[in-house]
Amino acid sequence: MPSFDVVSEIEITEVRNAVDNSNRELATRFDFRGKEASFELNGEVAVLKAEDDFQINQMLDIFRANLVRRNVDTLAMEVDEKPTHTGKTFSSNVKFKEGIESLVAKKLVKEIKASKIKVQVAIQGEKLRVTGKKRDDLQAVMALIRQSDAEQPFQFENFRD
C-alpha cells in the first residue's frame, strides 16, 4: 500500500549560511555602522545581539529575509517575546521548531479523519505515517496538510508505492 511520512525539519547548514549572510549584511548597513551588533549560531539557536532593542527588530527582519533566500521556512522560527537586556547590550534568541509535537500531530490526525479521505494515519514519535490504497488519496492528504493552520512547516518524505 502506498504511504508517506509527514515531518517537520530544518536544514541547520542553511540556517548557518543565513547567519553568515546576515552578519555580512550588517557590516554594509549604514544604520549599523559603529554599533555593536552581531548574529551567532549556538547549536540550533540563533542569537541576535545589539545595543538597542529596536535594532534587534531590524536584525530580525534581516535574518528572516536571509532565511527566505536560503529556502528555510520562517514558520519554524520561535523568537523571544522581548529582548533580554544584559549590561549595555540587548539579545534575543531564535529557536527553530523541529519535529511534530503530539498536540499538533493529534490535531492533524483529527483534520484528516474529518475530511473523510480513506487513509490511515499513525503518529510515530515526531512524525506522521499516512497510508492509503490510492495515490490520489495520499495527494489529497498532502494538500490538506499544506492548507492546515498548524503554524509549522511540514515536509513529505518516503513516498512509497
Protein backbone atom coordinates (compact mmCIF):
# COMPACT_ATOMS: atom_id res chain seq x y z
CA MET A 1 0.00 0.00 0.00
CA PRO A 2 1.28 3.48 -0.81
CA SER A 3 2.44 5.57 2.14
CA PHE A 4 4.46 8.63 3.09
CA ASP A 5 5.78 10.35 6.21
CA VAL A 6 4.97 13.88 7.34
CA VAL A 7 7.91 15.52 9.12
CA SER A 8 8.94 18.99 10.23
CA GLU A 9 12.66 19.60 9.86
CA ILE A 10 15.05 22.42 9.04
CA GLU A 11 18.47 22.24 7.49
CA ILE A 12 20.88 23.67 10.06
CA THR A 13 23.52 24.28 7.38
CA GLU A 14 21.14 26.65 5.59
CA VAL A 15 20.47 28.42 8.91
CA ARG A 16 24.24 28.75 9.41
CA ASN A 17 24.55 30.25 5.92
CA ALA A 18 21.72 32.69 6.68
CA VAL A 19 23.50 33.75 9.89
CA ASP A 20 26.74 34.35 7.96
CA ASN A 21 24.93 36.30 5.23
CA SER A 22 23.13 38.39 7.86
CA ASN A 23 26.45 39.26 9.53
CA ARG A 24 27.85 40.35 6.15
CA GLU A 25 24.78 42.49 5.51
CA LEU A 26 25.14 44.14 8.94
CA ALA A 27 28.71 45.15 8.04
CA THR A 28 27.46 47.02 4.97
CA ARG A 29 24.40 48.69 6.51
CA PHE A 30 24.75 52.42 7.22
CA ASP A 31 22.41 52.39 10.25
CA PHE A 32 24.58 49.76 11.98
CA ARG A 33 27.92 51.46 11.27
CA GLY A 34 29.88 51.91 14.51
CA LYS A 35 27.38 49.84 16.51
CA GLU A 36 27.95 46.56 18.25
CA ALA A 37 25.59 44.14 16.54
CA SER A 38 26.03 40.50 15.57
CA PHE A 39 24.36 37.21 14.75
CA GLU A 40 25.64 33.96 16.29
CA LEU A 41 24.58 30.35 15.95
CA ASN A 42 24.87 28.29 19.15
CA GLY A 43 23.80 24.74 18.31
CA GLU A 44 20.33 25.16 16.85
CA VAL A 45 19.66 28.58 18.42
CA ALA A 46 20.47 31.83 16.63
CA VAL A 47 21.40 34.67 19.00
CA LEU A 48 20.92 38.29 17.89
CA LYS A 49 22.91 40.90 19.86
CA ALA A 50 22.67 44.69 19.52
CA GLU A 51 22.95 47.91 21.53
CA ASP A 52 19.24 48.83 21.29
CA ASP A 53 16.05 46.78 21.29
CA PHE A 54 14.72 48.39 18.10
CA GLN A 55 17.93 47.28 16.37
CA ILE A 56 17.07 43.71 17.38
CA ASN A 57 13.79 44.08 15.44
CA GLN A 58 15.67 45.37 12.40
CA MET A 59 18.12 42.48 12.67
CA LEU A 60 15.22 40.04 12.90
CA ASP A 61 13.91 41.36 9.57
CA ILE A 62 17.37 40.95 8.01
CA PHE A 63 17.59 37.40 9.37
CA ARG A 64 14.11 36.48 8.09
CA ALA A 65 14.98 37.79 4.61
CA ASN A 66 18.17 35.73 4.55
CA LEU A 67 16.32 32.61 5.74
CA VAL A 68 13.81 33.03 2.93
CA ARG A 69 16.65 33.37 0.41
CA ARG A 70 18.10 30.10 1.74
CA ASN A 71 14.68 28.34 1.44
CA VAL A 72 14.19 27.92 5.19
CA ASP A 73 10.55 28.36 6.18
CA THR A 74 10.19 31.21 8.69
CA LEU A 75 7.20 29.49 10.31
CA ALA A 76 9.75 27.26 12.05
CA MET A 77 11.13 30.27 13.99
CA GLU A 78 10.35 30.81 17.67
CA VAL A 79 11.54 34.28 18.66
CA ASP A 80 11.80 35.51 22.26
CA GLU A 81 8.89 37.84 23.00
CA LYS A 82 11.09 40.53 24.48
CA PRO A 83 14.84 41.01 24.01
CA THR A 84 16.92 40.40 27.16
CA HIS A 85 18.94 43.35 28.44
CA THR A 86 22.34 42.49 29.89
CA GLY A 87 24.87 45.23 30.54
CA LYS A 88 24.87 47.55 27.56
CA THR A 89 23.54 45.05 25.03
CA PHE A 90 20.21 43.51 24.17
CA SER A 91 19.97 39.94 22.93
CA SER A 92 17.22 37.79 21.53
CA ASN A 93 17.18 34.04 20.89
CA VAL A 94 15.64 32.49 17.80
CA LYS A 95 14.89 28.78 18.17
CA PHE A 96 13.71 26.54 15.35
CA LYS A 97 10.85 24.06 15.70
CA GLU A 98 11.78 20.56 14.63
CA GLY A 99 9.58 17.52 14.83
CA ILE A 100 5.83 17.44 15.19
CA GLU A 101 4.64 17.89 18.78
CA SER A 102 1.98 15.46 19.99
CA LEU A 103 -0.75 18.12 20.21
CA VAL A 104 -0.11 19.27 16.63
CA ALA A 105 0.04 15.65 15.46
CA LYS A 106 -3.31 14.86 17.11
CA LYS A 107 -4.84 17.96 15.54
CA LEU A 108 -3.60 16.90 12.08
CA VAL A 109 -4.93 13.37 12.55
CA LYS A 110 -8.30 14.80 13.57
CA GLU A 111 -8.39 17.06 10.48
CA ILE A 112 -7.51 14.18 8.17
CA LYS A 113 -10.16 11.92 9.68
CA ALA A 114 -12.76 14.69 9.48
CA SER A 115 -12.07 15.09 5.75
CA LYS A 116 -13.34 11.51 5.16
CA ILE A 117 -10.36 10.66 2.91
CA LYS A 118 -9.82 6.90 3.00
CA VAL A 119 -6.36 6.76 4.60
CA GLN A 120 -4.86 5.57 7.87
CA VAL A 121 -2.74 7.94 9.92
CA ALA A 122 -0.31 6.80 12.61
CA ILE A 123 1.71 9.00 14.95
CA GLN A 124 5.29 7.69 15.09
CA GLY A 125 7.28 9.78 17.53
CA GLU A 126 7.84 13.17 15.91
CA LYS A 127 6.39 12.25 12.52
CA LEU A 128 3.14 11.00 10.99
CA ARG A 129 2.82 7.97 8.70
CA VAL A 130 -0.06 8.21 6.22
CA THR A 131 -1.11 5.02 4.41
CA GLY A 132 -3.84 4.55 1.81
CA LYS A 133 -4.86 2.40 -1.15
CA LYS A 134 -4.78 5.16 -3.77
CA ARG A 135 -2.09 7.70 -4.60
CA ASP A 136 -4.81 10.28 -5.23
CA ASP A 137 -5.99 9.95 -1.63
CA LEU A 138 -2.43 10.47 -0.38
CA GLN A 139 -2.02 13.55 -2.56
CA ALA A 140 -5.32 14.91 -1.22
CA VAL A 141 -3.96 14.46 2.32
CA MET A 142 -0.78 16.33 1.32
CA ALA A 143 -2.89 19.23 0.02
CA LEU A 144 -4.96 19.20 3.22
CA ILE A 145 -1.83 19.33 5.41
CA ARG A 146 -0.36 22.19 3.35
CA GLN A 147 -3.57 24.20 3.89
CA SER A 148 -3.74 23.48 7.64
CA ASP A 149 -3.08 26.32 10.07
CA ALA A 150 -0.56 24.47 12.24
CA GLU A 151 1.95 27.39 12.17
CA GLN A 152 4.74 24.96 11.38
CA PRO A 153 6.30 23.90 8.08
CA PHE A 154 5.80 20.29 7.01
CA GLN A 155 7.75 18.18 4.54
CA PHE A 156 6.73 14.89 2.97
CA GLU A 157 9.24 12.08 2.60
CA ASN A 158 9.46 8.33 1.95
CA PHE A 159 6.64 8.33 -0.59
CA ARG A 160 6.28 4.64 -1.43
CA ASP A 161 4.02 2.76 -3.81
